C-alpha atoms as a PDB file:
ATOM      1  CA  MET A   1      55.803   4.920   5.323  1.00  0.00           C
ATOM      2  CA  VAL A   2      54.376   2.016   7.333  1.00  0.00           C
ATOM      3  CA  SER A   3      54.801   1.391  11.060  1.00  0.00           C
ATOM      4  CA  ASN A   4      53.690  -1.333  13.450  1.00  0.00           C
ATOM      5  CA  GLU A   5      54.319  -1.870  17.169  1.00  0.00           C
ATOM      6  CA  VAL A   6      55.129  -5.323  18.508  1.00  0.00           C
ATOM      7  CA  ALA A   7      56.221  -6.753  21.868  1.00  0.00           C
ATOM      8  CA  VAL A   8      59.294  -8.991  21.851  1.00  0.00           C
ATOM      9  CA  GLN A   9      58.413 -12.166  23.786  1.00  0.00           C
ATOM     10  CA  ASN A  10      61.214 -14.641  23.076  1.00  0.00           C
ATOM     11  CA  SER A  11      63.400 -15.526  26.052  1.00  0.00           C
ATOM     12  CA  VAL A  12      66.560 -13.592  25.114  1.00  0.00           C
ATOM     13  CA  GLY A  13      64.906 -10.622  23.417  1.00  0.00           C
ATOM     14  CA  LEU A  14      66.423  -9.258  20.222  1.00  0.00           C
ATOM     15  CA  HIS A  15      69.981 -10.267  21.035  1.00  0.00           C
ATOM     16  CA  ALA A  16      72.709 -12.346  19.328  1.00  0.00           C
ATOM     17  CA  ARG A  17      71.095 -15.116  17.230  1.00  0.00           C
ATOM     18  CA  PRO A  18      67.572 -13.632  17.013  1.00  0.00           C
ATOM     19  CA  ALA A  19      69.007 -10.216  16.096  1.00  0.00           C
ATOM     20  CA  THR A  20      71.133 -11.760  13.346  1.00  0.00           C
ATOM     21  CA  PHE A  21      68.123 -13.621  11.961  1.00  0.00           C
ATOM     22  CA  PHE A  22      66.035 -10.425  12.132  1.00  0.00           C
ATOM     23  CA  ILE A  23      68.679  -8.427  10.245  1.00  0.00           C
ATOM     24  CA  GLN A  24      69.029 -11.096   7.567  1.00  0.00           C
ATOM     25  CA  ARG A  25      65.266 -10.914   6.959  1.00  0.00           C
ATOM     26  CA  ALA A  26      65.320  -7.090   6.928  1.00  0.00           C
ATOM     27  CA  ASN A  27      68.060  -7.140   4.288  1.00  0.00           C
ATOM     28  CA  GLU A  28      65.774  -9.108   1.941  1.00  0.00           C
ATOM     29  CA  PHE A  29      63.751  -5.914   1.361  1.00  0.00           C
ATOM     30  CA  LYS A  30      64.544  -2.852  -0.738  1.00  0.00           C
ATOM     31  CA  SER A  31      62.803  -0.455   1.664  1.00  0.00           C
ATOM     32  CA  SER A  32      64.597   1.489   4.361  1.00  0.00           C
ATOM     33  CA  ILE A  33      63.679  -0.193   7.656  1.00  0.00           C
ATOM     34  CA  TRP A  34      64.137   1.062  11.213  1.00  0.00           C
ATOM     35  CA  VAL A  35      63.568  -0.315  14.690  1.00  0.00           C
ATOM     36  CA  GLU A  36      62.437   2.215  17.274  1.00  0.00           C
ATOM     37  CA  LYS A  37      62.521   1.828  21.068  1.00  0.00           C
ATOM     38  CA  ASP A  38      61.877   4.666  23.501  1.00  0.00           C
ATOM     39  CA  GLU A  39      62.136   7.294  20.749  1.00  0.00           C
ATOM     40  CA  ARG A  40      65.543   5.975  19.659  1.00  0.00           C
ATOM     41  CA  ARG A  41      65.592   4.794  16.049  1.00  0.00           C
ATOM     42  CA  VAL A  42      68.231   2.567  14.417  1.00  0.00           C
ATOM     43  CA  ASN A  43      68.686   0.949  11.035  1.00  0.00           C
ATOM     44  CA  ALA A  44      67.065  -2.516  11.137  1.00  0.00           C
ATOM     45  CA  LYS A  45      69.706  -3.756   8.703  1.00  0.00           C
ATOM     46  CA  SER A  46      72.561  -2.974  11.131  1.00  0.00           C
ATOM     47  CA  LEU A  47      73.502  -5.587  13.731  1.00  0.00           C
ATOM     48  CA  LEU A  48      75.335  -3.040  15.875  1.00  0.00           C
ATOM     49  CA  GLY A  49      72.381  -0.664  15.725  1.00  0.00           C
ATOM     50  CA  VAL A  50      69.812  -3.276  16.717  1.00  0.00           C
ATOM     51  CA  LEU A  51      71.985  -4.681  19.505  1.00  0.00           C
ATOM     52  CA  SER A  52      72.598  -1.166  20.843  1.00  0.00           C
ATOM     53  CA  LEU A  53      68.885  -0.826  21.674  1.00  0.00           C
ATOM     54  CA  GLY A  54      69.194  -3.535  24.346  1.00  0.00           C
ATOM     55  CA  ILE A  55      65.837  -5.129  23.495  1.00  0.00           C
ATOM     56  CA  VAL A  56      64.895  -7.699  26.149  1.00  0.00           C
ATOM     57  CA  LYS A  57      61.847  -9.904  26.621  1.00  0.00           C
ATOM     58  CA  GLY A  58      58.696  -7.823  27.043  1.00  0.00           C
ATOM     59  CA  THR A  59      60.054  -4.734  25.264  1.00  0.00           C
ATOM     60  CA  LYS A  60      57.693  -2.967  22.868  1.00  0.00           C
ATOM     61  CA  ILE A  61      59.340  -1.809  19.668  1.00  0.00           C
ATOM     62  CA  SER A  62      58.130  -0.206  16.467  1.00  0.00           C
ATOM     63  CA  ILE A  63      59.130  -1.494  13.063  1.00  0.00           C
ATOM     64  CA  ILE A  64      59.071   1.280  10.468  1.00  0.00           C
ATOM     65  CA  ALA A  65      59.640   0.917   6.731  1.00  0.00           C
ATOM     66  CA  ASP A  66      59.652   3.314   3.815  1.00  0.00           C
ATOM     67  CA  GLY A  67      59.953   2.170   0.219  1.00  0.00           C
ATOM     68  CA  SER A  68      58.517   0.035  -2.554  1.00  0.00           C
ATOM     69  CA  ASP A  69      57.961  -3.077  -0.381  1.00  0.00           C
ATOM     70  CA  GLU A  70      57.348  -1.318   2.961  1.00  0.00           C
ATOM     71  CA  GLU A  71      54.078  -3.103   3.848  1.00  0.00           C
ATOM     72  CA  GLU A  72      55.498  -6.557   3.175  1.00  0.00           C
ATOM     73  CA  ALA A  73      58.686  -5.715   5.085  1.00  0.00           C
ATOM     74  CA  VAL A  74      56.871  -4.571   8.229  1.00  0.00           C
ATOM     75  CA  GLN A  75      54.428  -7.497   8.112  1.00  0.00           C
ATOM     76  CA  THR A  76      57.213 -10.063   7.659  1.00  0.00           C
ATOM     77  CA  LEU A  77      59.358  -8.671  10.492  1.00  0.00           C
ATOM     78  CA  VAL A  78      56.404  -8.352  12.894  1.00  0.00           C
ATOM     79  CA  GLU A  79      55.409 -11.965  12.140  1.00  0.00           C
ATOM     80  CA  LEU A  80      59.011 -13.066  12.742  1.00  0.00           C
ATOM     81  CA  ILE A  81      59.020 -11.414  16.174  1.00  0.00           C
ATOM     82  CA  GLU A  82      55.546 -12.742  17.045  1.00  0.00           C
ATOM     83  CA  SER A  83      56.690 -16.275  16.146  1.00  0.00           C
ATOM     84  CA  ASN A  84      59.412 -15.882  18.832  1.00  0.00           C
ATOM     85  CA  PHE A  85      61.976 -16.633  16.108  1.00  0.00           C
ATOM     86  CA  SER A  86      60.663 -20.222  16.057  1.00  0.00           C
ATOM     87  CA  GLU A  87      62.033 -20.968  19.540  1.00  0.00           C
END
């Protein structure tokens, strides 16, 4: 299991378009992937789950993956968030 914490800095947080893009990337991996905020963990491959966290600009979240490509999954998703979804 691999975990990494990252702060969401894009203007709208992880909502609507950025959340959809994030989920599409998460679904490219075989590993189980979760997003955790304030001790609440949801499936990173579920749009409803991710949106339910209410992640806004400045929120720190953890990306957690467990499986055959866990390191690549966490690294890719953290880089996506740090790139501000190419805003």
